[in-house]
Amino acid sequence: MFEAVEQFIANPGHFLQRNALIPKVNLGALRIEHFTLRPAPDVHCLGTDGSAIPAWEVVLTPPTTVASFQAFWVPY
């Protein structure tokens, strides 16, 4: 899981070409928060070529979590 966060931080565009992100957060207001990624159970996603790609849940996490990143939460 930590590797996925590191890859996402290093190159979000590249990561999103090969992975699917599923938001599991409902904050309701625009603000900066800390998030992490975890495997999304029972979610099956396909890339543009039809091959299976990993699915990750985006979850809110305390700022002290080692494998986290800061991002704007846009509630729409």
N, C-alpha and C. Protein backbone atom coordinates (compact mmCIF):
# COMPACT_ATOMS: atom_id res chain seq x y z
N MET A 1 0.82 -1.20 0.00
CA MET A 1 0.00 0.00 0.00
C MET A 1 0.86 1.26 0.00
N PHE A 2 1.95 1.28 0.80
CA PHE A 2 2.79 2.46 0.84
C PHE A 2 3.37 2.77 -0.53
N GLU A 3 3.68 1.72 -1.29
CA GLU A 3 4.22 1.92 -2.64
C GLU A 3 3.22 2.64 -3.53
N ALA A 4 1.93 2.33 -3.41
CA ALA A 4 0.91 3.00 -4.22
C ALA A 4 0.86 4.48 -3.90
N VAL A 5 0.93 4.84 -2.62
CA VAL A 5 0.92 6.24 -2.22
C VAL A 5 2.16 6.95 -2.78
N GLU A 6 3.32 6.32 -2.66
CA GLU A 6 4.55 6.92 -3.18
C GLU A 6 4.47 7.12 -4.69
N GLN A 7 3.94 6.14 -5.42
CA GLN A 7 3.80 6.27 -6.88
C GLN A 7 2.82 7.39 -7.23
N PHE A 8 1.72 7.48 -6.49
CA PHE A 8 0.73 8.53 -6.74
C PHE A 8 1.32 9.91 -6.51
N ILE A 9 2.07 10.08 -5.43
CA ILE A 9 2.69 11.37 -5.12
C ILE A 9 3.73 11.73 -6.18
N ALA A 10 4.55 10.76 -6.59
CA ALA A 10 5.63 11.01 -7.53
C ALA A 10 5.13 11.42 -8.91
N ASN A 11 4.05 10.80 -9.38
CA ASN A 11 3.56 11.08 -10.72
C ASN A 11 2.07 10.73 -10.81
N PRO A 12 1.18 11.64 -10.35
CA PRO A 12 -0.25 11.33 -10.33
C PRO A 12 -0.82 10.95 -11.70
N GLY A 13 -0.40 11.63 -12.75
CA GLY A 13 -0.92 11.33 -14.08
C GLY A 13 -0.60 9.91 -14.52
N HIS A 14 0.62 9.51 -14.32
CA HIS A 14 1.05 8.16 -14.68
C HIS A 14 0.30 7.13 -13.84
N PHE A 15 0.17 7.40 -12.54
CA PHE A 15 -0.54 6.48 -11.64
C PHE A 15 -1.99 6.30 -12.09
N LEU A 16 -2.64 7.40 -12.44
CA LEU A 16 -4.06 7.33 -12.81
C LEU A 16 -4.29 6.67 -14.17
N GLN A 17 -3.27 6.57 -14.99
CA GLN A 17 -3.39 5.83 -16.24
C GLN A 17 -3.45 4.33 -16.01
N ARG A 18 -2.96 3.88 -14.85
CA ARG A 18 -2.83 2.44 -14.59
C ARG A 18 -3.59 1.96 -13.36
N ASN A 19 -4.34 2.87 -12.71
CA ASN A 19 -5.07 2.54 -11.50
C ASN A 19 -6.38 3.30 -11.47
N ALA A 20 -7.34 2.81 -10.69
CA ALA A 20 -8.61 3.50 -10.49
C ALA A 20 -8.70 3.94 -9.04
N LEU A 21 -9.17 5.18 -8.81
CA LEU A 21 -9.35 5.69 -7.46
C LEU A 21 -10.84 5.79 -7.17
N ILE A 22 -11.24 5.29 -6.00
CA ILE A 22 -12.63 5.31 -5.55
C ILE A 22 -12.69 6.16 -4.29
N PRO A 23 -13.33 7.35 -4.31
CA PRO A 23 -13.41 8.14 -3.09
C PRO A 23 -14.35 7.51 -2.07
N LYS A 24 -13.87 7.35 -0.85
CA LYS A 24 -14.68 6.79 0.24
C LYS A 24 -14.84 7.84 1.34
N VAL A 25 -14.89 9.11 0.94
CA VAL A 25 -14.93 10.21 1.89
C VAL A 25 -16.09 11.13 1.53
N ASN A 26 -16.77 11.65 2.54
CA ASN A 26 -17.82 12.64 2.32
C ASN A 26 -17.63 13.75 3.35
N LEU A 27 -16.80 14.73 3.01
CA LEU A 27 -16.51 15.81 3.94
C LEU A 27 -17.47 16.98 3.81
N GLY A 28 -18.04 17.18 2.63
CA GLY A 28 -19.05 18.22 2.46
C GLY A 28 -18.55 19.63 2.21
N ALA A 29 -17.26 19.93 2.38
CA ALA A 29 -16.77 21.28 2.16
C ALA A 29 -15.37 21.23 1.56
N LEU A 30 -15.06 22.25 0.76
CA LEU A 30 -13.74 22.34 0.14
C LEU A 30 -12.71 22.65 1.22
N ARG A 31 -11.69 21.81 1.33
CA ARG A 31 -10.61 22.06 2.28
C ARG A 31 -9.46 21.10 2.00
N ILE A 32 -8.32 21.40 2.60
CA ILE A 32 -7.15 20.53 2.47
C ILE A 32 -7.21 19.50 3.60
N GLU A 33 -7.02 18.24 3.24
CA GLU A 33 -7.03 17.15 4.22
C GLU A 33 -5.90 16.19 3.90
N HIS A 34 -5.68 15.25 4.79
CA HIS A 34 -4.72 14.17 4.57
C HIS A 34 -5.48 12.91 4.15
N PHE A 35 -4.96 12.24 3.12
CA PHE A 35 -5.59 11.04 2.59
C PHE A 35 -4.55 9.94 2.43
N THR A 36 -5.02 8.72 2.30
CA THR A 36 -4.17 7.60 1.95
C THR A 36 -4.95 6.71 0.97
N LEU A 37 -4.27 5.73 0.41
CA LEU A 37 -4.89 4.79 -0.50
C LEU A 37 -4.88 3.41 0.13
N ARG A 38 -5.96 2.66 -0.08
CA ARG A 38 -5.98 1.26 0.34
C ARG A 38 -6.70 0.46 -0.74
N PRO A 39 -6.35 -0.79 -0.90
CA PRO A 39 -7.01 -1.60 -1.92
C PRO A 39 -8.53 -1.58 -1.74
N ALA A 40 -9.26 -1.44 -2.83
CA ALA A 40 -10.72 -1.41 -2.80
C ALA A 40 -11.24 -2.84 -2.94
N PRO A 41 -11.79 -3.40 -1.88
CA PRO A 41 -12.26 -4.79 -1.95
C PRO A 41 -13.47 -4.92 -2.86
N ASP A 42 -13.51 -5.99 -3.58
CA ASP A 42 -14.66 -6.31 -4.43
C ASP A 42 -14.95 -5.28 -5.52
N VAL A 43 -13.96 -4.47 -5.88
CA VAL A 43 -14.12 -3.52 -6.98
C VAL A 43 -13.24 -4.01 -8.12
N HIS A 44 -13.83 -4.18 -9.29
CA HIS A 44 -13.10 -4.68 -10.45
C HIS A 44 -13.17 -3.62 -11.54
N CYS A 45 -12.01 -3.08 -11.91
CA CYS A 45 -11.95 -2.03 -12.92
C CYS A 45 -11.13 -2.51 -14.12
N LEU A 46 -11.48 -1.97 -15.27
CA LEU A 46 -10.78 -2.31 -16.51
C LEU A 46 -10.16 -1.07 -17.11
N GLY A 47 -8.96 -1.23 -17.64
CA GLY A 47 -8.31 -0.14 -18.35
C GLY A 47 -8.91 0.04 -19.73
N THR A 48 -8.42 1.02 -20.46
CA THR A 48 -8.96 1.30 -21.79
C THR A 48 -8.75 0.15 -22.77
N ASP A 49 -7.75 -0.69 -22.48
CA ASP A 49 -7.51 -1.85 -23.35
C ASP A 49 -8.26 -3.10 -22.87
N GLY A 50 -9.08 -2.97 -21.83
CA GLY A 50 -9.86 -4.09 -21.33
C GLY A 50 -9.17 -4.94 -20.28
N SER A 51 -7.91 -4.63 -19.97
CA SER A 51 -7.21 -5.41 -18.95
C SER A 51 -7.57 -4.90 -17.55
N ALA A 52 -7.48 -5.79 -16.58
CA ALA A 52 -7.78 -5.43 -15.20
C ALA A 52 -6.74 -4.46 -14.66
N ILE A 53 -7.19 -3.46 -13.90
CA ILE A 53 -6.29 -2.51 -13.25
C ILE A 53 -6.63 -2.47 -11.76
N PRO A 54 -5.65 -2.16 -10.91
CA PRO A 54 -5.91 -2.08 -9.48
C PRO A 54 -6.88 -0.95 -9.15
N ALA A 55 -7.74 -1.19 -8.17
CA ALA A 55 -8.66 -0.17 -7.68
C ALA A 55 -8.27 0.17 -6.25
N TRP A 56 -8.22 1.46 -5.96
CA TRP A 56 -7.81 1.95 -4.64
C TRP A 56 -8.89 2.85 -4.07
N GLU A 57 -9.16 2.71 -2.78
CA GLU A 57 -10.04 3.62 -2.07
C GLU A 57 -9.21 4.80 -1.58
N VAL A 58 -9.74 6.00 -1.74
CA VAL A 58 -9.13 7.20 -1.19
C VAL A 58 -9.83 7.44 0.15
N VAL A 59 -9.07 7.36 1.25
CA VAL A 59 -9.67 7.47 2.58
C VAL A 59 -9.00 8.59 3.38
N LEU A 60 -9.79 9.25 4.19
CA LEU A 60 -9.30 10.29 5.09
C LEU A 60 -8.43 9.64 6.16
N THR A 61 -7.34 10.31 6.51
CA THR A 61 -6.42 9.74 7.50
C THR A 61 -5.87 10.85 8.39
N PRO A 62 -5.45 10.53 9.60
CA PRO A 62 -4.83 11.54 10.45
C PRO A 62 -3.53 12.06 9.82
N PRO A 63 -3.18 13.32 10.07
CA PRO A 63 -1.95 13.88 9.48
C PRO A 63 -0.69 13.12 9.87
N THR A 64 -0.71 12.37 10.94
CA THR A 64 0.48 11.66 11.40
C THR A 64 0.71 10.34 10.68
N THR A 65 -0.22 9.92 9.82
CA THR A 65 -0.07 8.66 9.10
C THR A 65 1.12 8.74 8.15
N VAL A 66 1.99 7.76 8.19
CA VAL A 66 3.23 7.77 7.40
C VAL A 66 2.93 7.83 5.91
N ALA A 67 2.08 6.96 5.41
CA ALA A 67 1.79 6.90 3.98
C ALA A 67 0.53 7.70 3.68
N SER A 68 0.66 9.03 3.75
CA SER A 68 -0.48 9.88 3.43
C SER A 68 -0.01 11.02 2.55
N PHE A 69 -0.97 11.71 1.98
CA PHE A 69 -0.67 12.87 1.15
C PHE A 69 -1.73 13.93 1.40
N GLN A 70 -1.36 15.19 1.24
CA GLN A 70 -2.32 16.27 1.38
C GLN A 70 -2.95 16.55 0.03
N ALA A 71 -4.24 16.84 0.05
CA ALA A 71 -4.95 17.17 -1.18
C ALA A 71 -6.17 18.00 -0.85
N PHE A 72 -6.64 18.75 -1.84
CA PHE A 72 -7.91 19.46 -1.69
C PHE A 72 -9.03 18.45 -1.83
N TRP A 73 -10.01 18.53 -0.97
CA TRP A 73 -11.23 17.73 -1.12
C TRP A 73 -12.25 18.64 -1.78
N VAL A 74 -12.70 18.27 -2.96
CA VAL A 74 -13.70 19.04 -3.69
C VAL A 74 -14.99 18.24 -3.66
N PRO A 75 -16.01 18.71 -2.94
CA PRO A 75 -17.23 17.90 -2.71
C PRO A 75 -18.24 17.91 -3.84
N TYR A 76 -17.82 17.49 -5.03
CA TYR A 76 -18.77 17.29 -6.13
C TYR A 76 -18.19 16.37 -7.16
